[in-house]
Amino acid sequence: MLEGFLYKTLEKGDGCAQVQLLPESPIYAAHFPGFPVTPGVTLVQMALELMGKKLLGAKDIKFVVPVLPSKEGTVLKYEWTVAEDRADVSVFLSDGTLCAKMTLGV
């Protein structure tokens, strides 16, 4: 749903993926005009798409730092583990900064 519209996948492995945000995405024109920020809900949706899972519930989501688009295309690294009915996901900026952590019901 968001791949190709907000991000492109650079690489994907078992339990991890690297994506590049597309700064020209219309999402940034609306969120927020003059100061674009990646909406938190899109970070969750990207995780679900990368894992190939559907959201059944959100147990704990923390957005630690804002994810800003850059002209070069901000790169994010997703790491996850899936056990039974939950997925633990961490999202990092390319410099290793944690920007989001979530426990999702899947």
Protein backbone atom coordinates (compact mmCIF):
# COMPACT_ATOMS: atom_id res chain seq x y z
CA MET A 1 0.00 0.00 0.00
CA LEU A 2 2.73 2.51 0.91
CA GLU A 3 5.59 0.89 -1.02
CA GLY A 4 6.26 2.97 -4.10
CA PHE A 5 4.16 5.80 -2.67
CA LEU A 6 6.06 6.65 0.54
CA TYR A 7 9.07 4.33 0.45
CA LYS A 8 11.06 1.85 -1.56
CA THR A 9 12.66 -1.30 -0.18
CA LEU A 10 16.44 -1.30 -0.53
CA GLU A 11 17.01 -4.74 0.97
CA LYS A 12 15.03 -7.27 2.93
CA GLY A 13 16.12 -10.30 4.91
CA ASP A 14 14.79 -12.56 7.60
CA GLY A 15 13.73 -10.25 10.42
CA CYS A 16 15.11 -7.04 8.93
CA ALA A 17 14.75 -4.62 6.06
CA GLN A 18 16.17 -1.34 4.89
CA VAL A 19 13.91 1.21 3.20
CA GLN A 20 14.34 4.64 1.67
CA LEU A 21 11.66 7.27 2.14
CA LEU A 22 10.47 9.07 -1.00
CA PRO A 23 10.58 12.80 -0.15
CA GLU A 24 8.30 13.66 -3.07
CA SER A 25 5.44 11.61 -1.57
CA PRO A 26 2.19 13.63 -1.29
CA ILE A 27 1.99 12.53 2.35
CA TYR A 28 4.64 15.11 3.21
CA ALA A 29 2.69 17.96 1.60
CA ALA A 30 -0.11 17.37 4.11
CA HIS A 31 1.90 16.32 7.16
CA PHE A 32 2.92 19.09 7.85
CA PRO A 33 3.06 21.91 5.29
CA GLY A 34 6.38 23.72 5.61
CA PHE A 35 7.76 21.14 8.08
CA PRO A 36 7.30 17.61 6.70
CA VAL A 37 7.34 14.77 9.22
CA THR A 38 6.74 11.08 8.55
CA PRO A 39 3.43 10.18 10.24
CA GLY A 40 3.78 7.57 12.97
CA VAL A 41 0.97 5.48 11.54
CA THR A 42 2.95 5.09 8.31
CA LEU A 43 5.93 3.71 10.27
CA VAL A 44 3.56 1.06 11.64
CA GLN A 45 2.09 0.33 8.20
CA MET A 46 5.55 -0.02 6.67
CA ALA A 47 6.45 -2.56 9.37
CA LEU A 48 3.35 -4.60 8.58
CA GLU A 49 4.04 -4.51 4.84
CA LEU A 50 7.68 -5.53 5.32
CA MET A 51 6.69 -8.43 7.60
CA GLY A 52 3.74 -9.45 5.40
CA LYS A 53 1.39 -9.28 8.39
CA LYS A 54 -1.99 -7.75 9.21
CA LEU A 55 -2.52 -5.64 12.30
CA LEU A 56 -4.75 -7.25 14.92
CA GLY A 57 -3.89 -4.85 17.72
CA ALA A 58 -1.28 -2.46 19.00
CA LYS A 59 0.07 -3.35 22.41
CA ASP A 60 2.78 -0.73 22.77
CA ILE A 61 4.06 1.88 20.34
CA LYS A 62 6.68 4.50 21.13
CA PHE A 63 7.88 7.13 18.70
CA VAL A 64 11.24 8.25 20.06
CA VAL A 65 12.43 10.83 17.53
CA PRO A 66 10.69 12.39 14.51
CA VAL A 67 11.48 10.87 11.13
CA LEU A 68 12.12 13.71 8.70
CA PRO A 69 12.37 13.27 4.94
CA SER A 70 15.54 14.43 3.23
CA LYS A 71 16.20 15.31 -0.40
CA GLU A 72 18.53 12.29 -0.60
CA GLY A 73 15.81 10.04 0.78
CA THR A 74 16.01 9.16 4.47
CA VAL A 75 17.02 5.53 5.02
CA LEU A 76 15.38 3.50 7.79
CA LYS A 77 16.28 0.08 9.11
CA TYR A 78 13.50 -2.16 10.43
CA GLU A 79 14.28 -5.09 12.71
CA TRP A 80 11.59 -7.47 13.97
CA THR A 81 10.87 -10.74 15.69
CA VAL A 82 7.55 -12.54 15.38
CA ALA A 83 6.34 -14.98 18.01
CA GLU A 84 2.84 -16.46 18.00
CA ASP A 85 0.43 -13.51 17.87
CA ARG A 86 2.85 -10.60 18.30
CA ALA A 87 5.66 -8.81 16.54
CA ASP A 88 8.31 -6.73 18.27
CA VAL A 89 9.63 -4.09 15.87
CA SER A 90 12.38 -1.49 16.15
CA VAL A 91 12.96 1.24 13.58
CA PHE A 92 16.33 2.96 13.28
CA LEU A 93 17.69 5.90 11.31
CA SER A 94 20.75 5.14 9.17
CA ASP A 95 23.05 6.48 11.93
CA GLY A 96 21.68 3.88 14.36
CA THR A 97 19.34 6.24 16.24
CA LEU A 98 16.22 4.46 17.48
CA CYS A 99 13.19 6.32 16.16
CA ALA A 100 10.34 3.91 16.95
CA LYS A 101 9.67 0.75 18.93
CA MET A 102 6.44 -1.21 18.76
CA THR A 103 4.77 -4.38 19.90
CA LEU A 104 2.02 -5.28 17.48
CA GLY A 105 -0.66 -7.93 17.57
CA VAL A 106 -0.40 -9.78 14.25
